[in-house]
């Protein structure tokens, strides 16, 4: 026989190595969960930003066509929200896109509304048609205090020269890090077309 006895791990060495491995695995798991929460929060922020910006771009494009009157027949630009006491913010936009002297054609009169948590629109001369949803999770509550800010703010009434548009999108669920909803507000001001 060999004078050197073969020796394995003692029970104490095995317990110490398992404990160290468990501590390392716990730390790695916590780090991975934290990174997953951060990643989710970043995705939710990007989604809210995208939602607000895309919706704003569509509404701005429509408002920039307001008052298009190639035949100079006196096409109105917009009709402002008549009831500022409710939680619905709306504007009606007119444009003679087919150059026939009226706004009776397809998509020449459009009603844009912020109602509930949606922005919707439809052709106003087709009142039987459904509203098309442009965006959801639009709260227009920028600071989260429960007060809904107006989406369209005219420079004056009844004949505005500019309309300020403010859209606040909110994440569909609370942020896993803070427990709060993520909000993003996009805003711009559109100068309305006037007769020269």
Foldseek 3Di string as FASTA:
>chain_A
DDPDDDDDDDPVRVVVVVVVVVVVVVVVVVVVVVVVLVVVLVVLQVVQVVQQVQLVVVVLVQLQQFPAAPPPLDHHAKAADPDPPDLKGKMWGAHPPVNPRDQLDDPRIKIWIDDDQWIWMDRPNCVVDDTDTSGGQWQCPQVPPNDHDHQWDFPDPDRGQKIKGKIKGWGPAARPVPRHIDIDIDIDMHGGDDDD
